[in-house]
Amino acid sequence: MWLRAFQFLSLLLVALTLAPAMAHLLELPNKMALSHDEYFIVQQIYRGWALLGFVVFGALFSTLILAVIVRHNRKIFLLTVAALICIAGSLIVFFSFTYPANQLTNNWTRLPENWLELRRQWEYSHATGAVLYLIALVMLLLSVLSTDKRAAR
């Protein structure tokens, strides 16, 4: 019972983290061509997105618990840990690159001289996060598909 519950929860939360991450990735080419005035206007659509941090940390913790639950099945454990590493990696990328750019621009309300560099840092760090969340989702899907039906009861 706990196995299926945490598989579902981890899949749901990782899918929810992937949705906004893919939005960032898909809009990247168009946003990189914007002028500074246009870019700063567009960036304001992300007000309130910090609340998604709860979903990301929920995905991290639910996947950690899932890894503990499946630790006795090597294949499923390794797939789950791979997903966990991707989620943790996305957080490392966020706090190393995205968050500092947000701070230096006061969440894109202040125009520093190096705004082009910060834009590149912000956009590509989000793109990296999207790829990591996609890999995490694939790893979790593979782990669920590899789960023996008898073990899930």
N, C-alpha and C. Protein backbone atom coordinates (compact mmCIF):
# COMPACT_ATOMS: atom_id res chain seq x y z
N MET A 1 0.82 -1.20 0.00
CA MET A 1 0.00 0.00 0.00
C MET A 1 0.86 1.26 0.00
N TRP A 2 1.88 1.32 0.88
CA TRP A 2 2.75 2.49 0.93
C TRP A 2 3.53 2.67 -0.36
N LEU A 3 3.91 1.55 -0.95
CA LEU A 3 4.66 1.60 -2.20
C LEU A 3 3.86 2.33 -3.27
N ARG A 4 2.65 1.88 -3.52
CA ARG A 4 1.82 2.51 -4.56
C ARG A 4 1.49 3.96 -4.23
N ALA A 5 1.27 4.24 -2.97
CA ALA A 5 0.95 5.61 -2.56
C ALA A 5 2.12 6.55 -2.86
N PHE A 6 3.33 6.12 -2.53
CA PHE A 6 4.48 7.00 -2.76
C PHE A 6 4.90 7.00 -4.23
N GLN A 7 4.66 5.94 -4.95
CA GLN A 7 4.90 5.97 -6.39
C GLN A 7 3.98 7.01 -7.03
N PHE A 8 2.71 6.97 -6.67
CA PHE A 8 1.75 7.93 -7.20
C PHE A 8 2.13 9.36 -6.82
N LEU A 9 2.44 9.57 -5.54
CA LEU A 9 2.77 10.91 -5.06
C LEU A 9 4.02 11.45 -5.75
N SER A 10 5.04 10.63 -5.84
CA SER A 10 6.27 11.08 -6.50
C SER A 10 6.03 11.41 -7.97
N LEU A 11 5.31 10.53 -8.66
CA LEU A 11 5.01 10.80 -10.07
C LEU A 11 4.21 12.09 -10.23
N LEU A 12 3.21 12.27 -9.40
CA LEU A 12 2.38 13.46 -9.48
C LEU A 12 3.20 14.72 -9.24
N LEU A 13 3.99 14.73 -8.18
CA LEU A 13 4.75 15.93 -7.83
C LEU A 13 5.85 16.23 -8.85
N VAL A 14 6.51 15.20 -9.37
CA VAL A 14 7.52 15.44 -10.40
C VAL A 14 6.85 15.95 -11.68
N ALA A 15 5.70 15.40 -12.03
CA ALA A 15 4.98 15.89 -13.21
C ALA A 15 4.58 17.36 -13.01
N LEU A 16 4.17 17.71 -11.81
CA LEU A 16 3.80 19.11 -11.53
C LEU A 16 5.00 20.04 -11.58
N THR A 17 6.19 19.54 -11.23
CA THR A 17 7.39 20.38 -11.35
C THR A 17 7.83 20.50 -12.81
N LEU A 18 7.55 19.46 -13.57
CA LEU A 18 7.95 19.47 -14.98
C LEU A 18 7.14 20.47 -15.80
N ALA A 19 5.88 20.65 -15.47
CA ALA A 19 5.01 21.53 -16.27
C ALA A 19 5.55 22.96 -16.38
N PRO A 20 5.81 23.67 -15.28
CA PRO A 20 6.35 25.02 -15.43
C PRO A 20 7.78 25.02 -15.99
N ALA A 21 8.54 23.97 -15.68
CA ALA A 21 9.90 23.88 -16.20
C ALA A 21 9.89 23.79 -17.72
N MET A 22 8.97 23.01 -18.27
CA MET A 22 8.86 22.90 -19.72
C MET A 22 8.38 24.21 -20.34
N ALA A 23 7.54 24.94 -19.62
CA ALA A 23 7.12 26.25 -20.12
C ALA A 23 8.34 27.15 -20.28
N HIS A 24 9.21 27.16 -19.27
CA HIS A 24 10.46 27.94 -19.36
C HIS A 24 11.30 27.50 -20.55
N LEU A 25 11.45 26.20 -20.70
CA LEU A 25 12.29 25.67 -21.78
C LEU A 25 11.72 26.05 -23.15
N LEU A 26 10.43 25.91 -23.33
CA LEU A 26 9.82 26.17 -24.64
C LEU A 26 9.79 27.66 -25.00
N GLU A 27 9.75 28.52 -24.00
CA GLU A 27 9.71 29.95 -24.30
C GLU A 27 11.11 30.56 -24.43
N LEU A 28 12.13 29.82 -24.07
CA LEU A 28 13.50 30.33 -24.07
C LEU A 28 13.92 30.99 -25.38
N PRO A 29 13.75 30.34 -26.53
CA PRO A 29 14.23 30.99 -27.78
C PRO A 29 13.59 32.36 -28.03
N ASN A 30 12.31 32.48 -27.75
CA ASN A 30 11.63 33.76 -27.98
C ASN A 30 12.06 34.80 -26.95
N LYS A 31 12.24 34.39 -25.72
CA LYS A 31 12.61 35.36 -24.67
C LYS A 31 14.03 35.88 -24.84
N MET A 32 14.92 35.07 -25.40
CA MET A 32 16.30 35.51 -25.57
C MET A 32 16.41 36.63 -26.61
N ALA A 33 15.41 36.77 -27.45
CA ALA A 33 15.44 37.81 -28.48
C ALA A 33 14.78 39.12 -28.03
N LEU A 34 14.21 39.13 -26.84
CA LEU A 34 13.50 40.33 -26.37
C LEU A 34 14.48 41.42 -25.96
N SER A 35 14.06 42.67 -26.12
CA SER A 35 14.83 43.81 -25.61
C SER A 35 14.73 43.80 -24.09
N HIS A 36 15.54 44.61 -23.45
CA HIS A 36 15.49 44.63 -21.97
C HIS A 36 14.13 45.08 -21.47
N ASP A 37 13.50 46.07 -22.11
CA ASP A 37 12.18 46.51 -21.68
C ASP A 37 11.15 45.39 -21.81
N GLU A 38 11.15 44.73 -22.95
CA GLU A 38 10.21 43.62 -23.18
C GLU A 38 10.47 42.47 -22.21
N TYR A 39 11.74 42.16 -22.03
CA TYR A 39 12.09 41.03 -21.15
C TYR A 39 11.63 41.30 -19.71
N PHE A 40 11.86 42.49 -19.23
CA PHE A 40 11.47 42.81 -17.85
C PHE A 40 9.95 42.80 -17.68
N ILE A 41 9.23 43.17 -18.69
CA ILE A 41 7.76 43.08 -18.64
C ILE A 41 7.33 41.62 -18.59
N VAL A 42 7.88 40.80 -19.48
CA VAL A 42 7.51 39.39 -19.54
C VAL A 42 7.86 38.68 -18.22
N GLN A 43 8.97 39.02 -17.62
CA GLN A 43 9.40 38.35 -16.38
C GLN A 43 8.39 38.54 -15.24
N GLN A 44 7.57 39.54 -15.32
CA GLN A 44 6.61 39.78 -14.24
C GLN A 44 5.49 38.74 -14.19
N ILE A 45 5.35 37.95 -15.24
CA ILE A 45 4.33 36.89 -15.22
C ILE A 45 4.68 35.80 -14.21
N TYR A 46 5.93 35.79 -13.74
CA TYR A 46 6.35 34.74 -12.80
C TYR A 46 6.13 35.12 -11.34
N ARG A 47 5.52 36.26 -11.09
CA ARG A 47 5.22 36.62 -9.69
C ARG A 47 4.35 35.53 -9.07
N GLY A 48 4.75 35.05 -7.92
CA GLY A 48 4.00 34.01 -7.23
C GLY A 48 4.47 32.60 -7.54
N TRP A 49 5.33 32.45 -8.53
CA TRP A 49 5.80 31.11 -8.89
C TRP A 49 6.72 30.52 -7.82
N ALA A 50 7.19 31.33 -6.90
CA ALA A 50 8.04 30.81 -5.82
C ALA A 50 7.30 29.75 -5.00
N LEU A 51 5.97 29.83 -5.00
CA LEU A 51 5.18 28.82 -4.28
C LEU A 51 5.37 27.42 -4.85
N LEU A 52 5.84 27.34 -6.09
CA LEU A 52 6.12 26.03 -6.68
C LEU A 52 7.25 25.31 -5.94
N GLY A 53 7.99 26.05 -5.14
CA GLY A 53 9.04 25.44 -4.32
C GLY A 53 8.48 24.35 -3.42
N PHE A 54 7.26 24.52 -2.96
CA PHE A 54 6.63 23.48 -2.13
C PHE A 54 6.46 22.18 -2.92
N VAL A 55 6.11 22.32 -4.18
CA VAL A 55 5.93 21.15 -5.04
C VAL A 55 7.29 20.47 -5.29
N VAL A 56 8.31 21.28 -5.56
CA VAL A 56 9.65 20.72 -5.82
C VAL A 56 10.16 19.98 -4.60
N PHE A 57 10.06 20.59 -3.42
CA PHE A 57 10.54 19.91 -2.22
C PHE A 57 9.65 18.71 -1.88
N GLY A 58 8.37 18.79 -2.19
CA GLY A 58 7.50 17.63 -2.03
C GLY A 58 7.94 16.48 -2.92
N ALA A 59 8.31 16.80 -4.17
CA ALA A 59 8.81 15.77 -5.09
C ALA A 59 10.10 15.16 -4.56
N LEU A 60 10.97 16.00 -4.04
CA LEU A 60 12.24 15.52 -3.49
C LEU A 60 12.00 14.57 -2.32
N PHE A 61 11.18 14.99 -1.36
CA PHE A 61 10.98 14.18 -0.16
C PHE A 61 10.16 12.92 -0.44
N SER A 62 9.16 13.02 -1.30
CA SER A 62 8.37 11.82 -1.61
C SER A 62 9.22 10.79 -2.36
N THR A 63 10.10 11.27 -3.22
CA THR A 63 10.97 10.35 -3.96
C THR A 63 12.03 9.76 -3.04
N LEU A 64 12.49 10.53 -2.08
CA LEU A 64 13.42 9.99 -1.07
C LEU A 64 12.74 8.87 -0.27
N ILE A 65 11.53 9.10 0.18
CA ILE A 65 10.79 8.08 0.92
C ILE A 65 10.56 6.86 0.04
N LEU A 66 10.22 7.09 -1.22
CA LEU A 66 10.02 5.98 -2.16
C LEU A 66 11.31 5.17 -2.29
N ALA A 67 12.45 5.84 -2.37
CA ALA A 67 13.73 5.13 -2.47
C ALA A 67 13.97 4.24 -1.25
N VAL A 68 13.60 4.73 -0.09
CA VAL A 68 13.74 3.91 1.13
C VAL A 68 12.81 2.70 1.05
N ILE A 69 11.61 2.90 0.58
CA ILE A 69 10.63 1.80 0.49
C ILE A 69 11.12 0.72 -0.47
N VAL A 70 11.73 1.11 -1.60
CA VAL A 70 12.12 0.13 -2.62
C VAL A 70 13.59 -0.30 -2.52
N ARG A 71 14.24 0.04 -1.43
CA ARG A 71 15.68 -0.20 -1.31
C ARG A 71 16.10 -1.65 -1.48
N HIS A 72 15.20 -2.61 -1.29
CA HIS A 72 15.55 -4.02 -1.39
C HIS A 72 15.46 -4.56 -2.82
N ASN A 73 14.94 -3.76 -3.74
CA ASN A 73 14.87 -4.16 -5.14
C ASN A 73 15.86 -3.29 -5.92
N ARG A 74 17.00 -3.85 -6.24
CA ARG A 74 18.11 -3.08 -6.81
C ARG A 74 17.71 -2.25 -8.03
N LYS A 75 17.04 -2.86 -9.00
CA LYS A 75 16.68 -2.15 -10.23
C LYS A 75 15.77 -0.96 -9.95
N ILE A 76 14.72 -1.20 -9.19
CA ILE A 76 13.76 -0.13 -8.88
C ILE A 76 14.42 0.93 -8.01
N PHE A 77 15.24 0.50 -7.08
CA PHE A 77 15.96 1.42 -6.21
C PHE A 77 16.86 2.34 -7.04
N LEU A 78 17.64 1.78 -7.96
CA LEU A 78 18.55 2.59 -8.76
C LEU A 78 17.80 3.59 -9.65
N LEU A 79 16.69 3.16 -10.22
CA LEU A 79 15.87 4.08 -11.02
C LEU A 79 15.31 5.21 -10.16
N THR A 80 14.87 4.86 -8.97
CA THR A 80 14.30 5.86 -8.06
C THR A 80 15.39 6.82 -7.58
N VAL A 81 16.56 6.28 -7.27
CA VAL A 81 17.66 7.15 -6.84
C VAL A 81 18.11 8.05 -7.98
N ALA A 82 18.08 7.55 -9.20
CA ALA A 82 18.42 8.40 -10.35
C ALA A 82 17.44 9.58 -10.43
N ALA A 83 16.16 9.30 -10.23
CA ALA A 83 15.16 10.38 -10.21
C ALA A 83 15.45 11.36 -9.08
N LEU A 84 15.77 10.82 -7.92
CA LEU A 84 16.07 11.66 -6.76
C LEU A 84 17.28 12.55 -7.03
N ILE A 85 18.31 12.00 -7.65
CA ILE A 85 19.50 12.79 -7.97
C ILE A 85 19.16 13.91 -8.95
N CYS A 86 18.30 13.62 -9.92
CA CYS A 86 17.89 14.66 -10.88
C CYS A 86 17.12 15.79 -10.18
N ILE A 87 16.24 15.43 -9.27
CA ILE A 87 15.47 16.45 -8.55
C ILE A 87 16.42 17.29 -7.69
N ALA A 88 17.31 16.62 -6.97
CA ALA A 88 18.29 17.34 -6.16
C ALA A 88 19.19 18.21 -7.05
N GLY A 89 19.57 17.67 -8.20
CA GLY A 89 20.39 18.44 -9.14
C GLY A 89 19.69 19.69 -9.63
N SER A 90 18.39 19.58 -9.85
CA SER A 90 17.64 20.75 -10.30
C SER A 90 17.64 21.84 -9.23
N LEU A 91 17.58 21.41 -7.98
CA LEU A 91 17.63 22.38 -6.88
C LEU A 91 19.01 23.03 -6.76
N ILE A 92 20.04 22.24 -6.98
CA ILE A 92 21.40 22.80 -6.97
C ILE A 92 21.55 23.83 -8.08
N VAL A 93 21.06 23.51 -9.26
CA VAL A 93 21.12 24.45 -10.38
C VAL A 93 20.33 25.71 -10.05
N PHE A 94 19.13 25.53 -9.49
CA PHE A 94 18.30 26.68 -9.16
C PHE A 94 19.00 27.61 -8.17
N PHE A 95 19.50 27.04 -7.07
CA PHE A 95 20.10 27.88 -6.04
C PHE A 95 21.49 28.39 -6.41
N SER A 96 22.12 27.77 -7.40
CA SER A 96 23.44 28.25 -7.85
C SER A 96 23.34 29.30 -8.94
N PHE A 97 22.29 29.25 -9.76
CA PHE A 97 22.21 30.14 -10.92
C PHE A 97 20.94 30.97 -11.01
N THR A 98 19.78 30.34 -10.85
CA THR A 98 18.51 31.06 -11.02
C THR A 98 18.28 32.04 -9.87
N TYR A 99 18.36 31.54 -8.66
CA TYR A 99 18.09 32.37 -7.49
C TYR A 99 19.03 33.58 -7.41
N PRO A 100 20.34 33.40 -7.62
CA PRO A 100 21.20 34.60 -7.60
C PRO A 100 20.82 35.65 -8.64
N ALA A 101 20.39 35.19 -9.83
CA ALA A 101 19.95 36.16 -10.85
C ALA A 101 18.70 36.89 -10.38
N ASN A 102 17.80 36.17 -9.74
CA ASN A 102 16.60 36.81 -9.19
C ASN A 102 16.98 37.85 -8.14
N GLN A 103 17.93 37.53 -7.30
CA GLN A 103 18.34 38.46 -6.25
C GLN A 103 19.02 39.70 -6.82
N LEU A 104 19.90 39.50 -7.78
CA LEU A 104 20.64 40.62 -8.36
C LEU A 104 19.75 41.57 -9.16
N THR A 105 18.62 41.06 -9.62
CA THR A 105 17.69 41.90 -10.40
C THR A 105 16.45 42.27 -9.59
N ASN A 106 16.44 41.90 -8.31
CA ASN A 106 15.27 42.12 -7.46
C ASN A 106 14.03 41.53 -8.15
N ASN A 107 14.15 40.26 -8.52
CA ASN A 107 13.10 39.54 -9.26
C ASN A 107 12.71 40.27 -10.55
N TRP A 108 13.72 40.70 -11.25
CA TRP A 108 13.57 41.32 -12.57
C TRP A 108 12.77 42.62 -12.53
N THR A 109 13.01 43.39 -11.46
CA THR A 109 12.44 44.74 -11.39
C THR A 109 13.55 45.79 -11.39
N ARG A 110 14.80 45.36 -11.32
CA ARG A 110 15.96 46.26 -11.33
C ARG A 110 16.88 45.84 -12.46
N LEU A 111 17.38 46.79 -13.21
CA LEU A 111 18.21 46.52 -14.38
C LEU A 111 19.69 46.74 -14.04
N PRO A 112 20.41 45.67 -13.71
CA PRO A 112 21.85 45.83 -13.51
C PRO A 112 22.57 45.91 -14.86
N GLU A 113 23.82 46.36 -14.85
CA GLU A 113 24.57 46.49 -16.10
C GLU A 113 24.75 45.16 -16.81
N ASN A 114 24.89 44.09 -16.05
CA ASN A 114 25.14 42.77 -16.63
C ASN A 114 23.84 41.98 -16.82
N TRP A 115 22.75 42.67 -17.13
CA TRP A 115 21.46 42.00 -17.22
C TRP A 115 21.44 40.93 -18.32
N LEU A 116 22.18 41.15 -19.41
CA LEU A 116 22.21 40.14 -20.48
C LEU A 116 22.83 38.84 -19.99
N GLU A 117 23.90 38.94 -19.24
CA GLU A 117 24.54 37.76 -18.67
C GLU A 117 23.59 37.08 -17.67
N LEU A 118 22.93 37.89 -16.85
CA LEU A 118 21.98 37.33 -15.88
C LEU A 118 20.79 36.68 -16.58
N ARG A 119 20.33 37.28 -17.67
CA ARG A 119 19.24 36.67 -18.42
C ARG A 119 19.67 35.31 -18.95
N ARG A 120 20.84 35.24 -19.52
CA ARG A 120 21.35 33.97 -20.05
C ARG A 120 21.45 32.93 -18.92
N GLN A 121 21.99 33.36 -17.80
CA GLN A 121 22.12 32.48 -16.62
C GLN A 121 20.75 31.99 -16.16
N TRP A 122 19.79 32.89 -16.09
CA TRP A 122 18.45 32.56 -15.61
C TRP A 122 17.75 31.61 -16.58
N GLU A 123 17.79 31.92 -17.85
CA GLU A 123 17.09 31.12 -18.85
C GLU A 123 17.70 29.72 -18.99
N TYR A 124 19.02 29.65 -19.07
CA TYR A 124 19.65 28.35 -19.26
C TYR A 124 19.62 27.49 -18.00
N SER A 125 19.60 28.12 -16.85
CA SER A 125 19.45 27.32 -15.62
C SER A 125 18.05 26.71 -15.55
N HIS A 126 17.05 27.45 -15.99
CA HIS A 126 15.70 26.90 -16.05
C HIS A 126 15.62 25.77 -17.08
N ALA A 127 16.28 25.94 -18.20
CA ALA A 127 16.29 24.90 -19.23
C ALA A 127 16.95 23.63 -18.70
N THR A 128 18.04 23.79 -17.96
CA THR A 128 18.71 22.65 -17.35
C THR A 128 17.79 21.96 -16.35
N GLY A 129 17.09 22.74 -15.56
CA GLY A 129 16.13 22.18 -14.61
C GLY A 129 15.05 21.38 -15.31
N ALA A 130 14.56 21.88 -16.43
CA ALA A 130 13.51 21.18 -17.19
C ALA A 130 14.01 19.81 -17.65
N VAL A 131 15.23 19.77 -18.15
CA VAL A 131 15.80 18.50 -18.61
C VAL A 131 15.94 17.54 -17.42
N LEU A 132 16.39 18.05 -16.29
CA LEU A 132 16.54 17.20 -15.10
C LEU A 132 15.20 16.67 -14.61
N TYR A 133 14.17 17.50 -14.62
CA TYR A 133 12.83 17.03 -14.21
C TYR A 133 12.28 16.01 -15.20
N LEU A 134 12.54 16.20 -16.48
CA LEU A 134 12.09 15.23 -17.48
C LEU A 134 12.78 13.88 -17.25
N ILE A 135 14.07 13.90 -17.02
CA ILE A 135 14.79 12.65 -16.74
C ILE A 135 14.25 12.02 -15.46
N ALA A 136 13.99 12.84 -14.43
CA ALA A 136 13.44 12.32 -13.17
C ALA A 136 12.11 11.63 -13.42
N LEU A 137 11.25 12.24 -14.21
CA LEU A 137 9.94 11.65 -14.49
C LEU A 137 10.11 10.32 -15.24
N VAL A 138 10.99 10.29 -16.22
CA VAL A 138 11.22 9.06 -16.97
C VAL A 138 11.75 7.96 -16.04
N MET A 139 12.69 8.30 -15.17
CA MET A 139 13.23 7.31 -14.23
C MET A 139 12.15 6.77 -13.30
N LEU A 140 11.29 7.67 -12.81
CA LEU A 140 10.19 7.21 -11.95
C LEU A 140 9.20 6.34 -12.71
N LEU A 141 8.89 6.73 -13.93
CA LEU A 141 7.98 5.90 -14.75
C LEU A 141 8.58 4.52 -14.98
N LEU A 142 9.85 4.46 -15.27
CA LEU A 142 10.51 3.16 -15.47
C LEU A 142 10.51 2.33 -14.19
N SER A 143 10.70 3.00 -13.07
CA SER A 143 10.70 2.26 -11.79
C SER A 143 9.31 1.71 -11.49
N VAL A 144 8.28 2.49 -11.76
CA VAL A 144 6.91 2.02 -11.53
C VAL A 144 6.58 0.88 -12.48
N LEU A 145 6.97 1.02 -13.74
CA LEU A 145 6.70 -0.04 -14.71
C LEU A 145 7.49 -1.32 -14.41
N SER A 146 8.59 -1.18 -13.68
CA SER A 146 9.41 -2.35 -13.32
C SER A 146 8.96 -3.01 -12.02
N THR A 147 8.04 -2.38 -11.32
CA THR A 147 7.59 -2.91 -10.04
C THR A 147 6.76 -4.17 -10.26
N ASP A 148 7.10 -5.20 -9.55
CA ASP A 148 6.35 -6.45 -9.57
C ASP A 148 4.98 -6.19 -8.96
N LYS A 149 3.94 -6.60 -9.64
CA LYS A 149 2.57 -6.38 -9.15
C LYS A 149 2.34 -6.98 -7.77
N ARG A 150 3.00 -8.09 -7.50
CA ARG A 150 2.83 -8.74 -6.18
C ARG A 150 3.45 -7.89 -5.07
N ALA A 151 4.55 -7.18 -5.39
CA ALA A 151 5.22 -6.35 -4.38
C ALA A 151 4.39 -5.12 -4.04
N ALA A 152 3.51 -4.71 -4.94
CA ALA A 152 2.72 -3.50 -4.74
C ALA A 152 1.50 -3.74 -3.85
N ARG A 153 1.21 -5.01 -3.57
CA ARG A 153 0.01 -5.30 -2.76
C ARG A 153 0.25 -5.08 -1.30
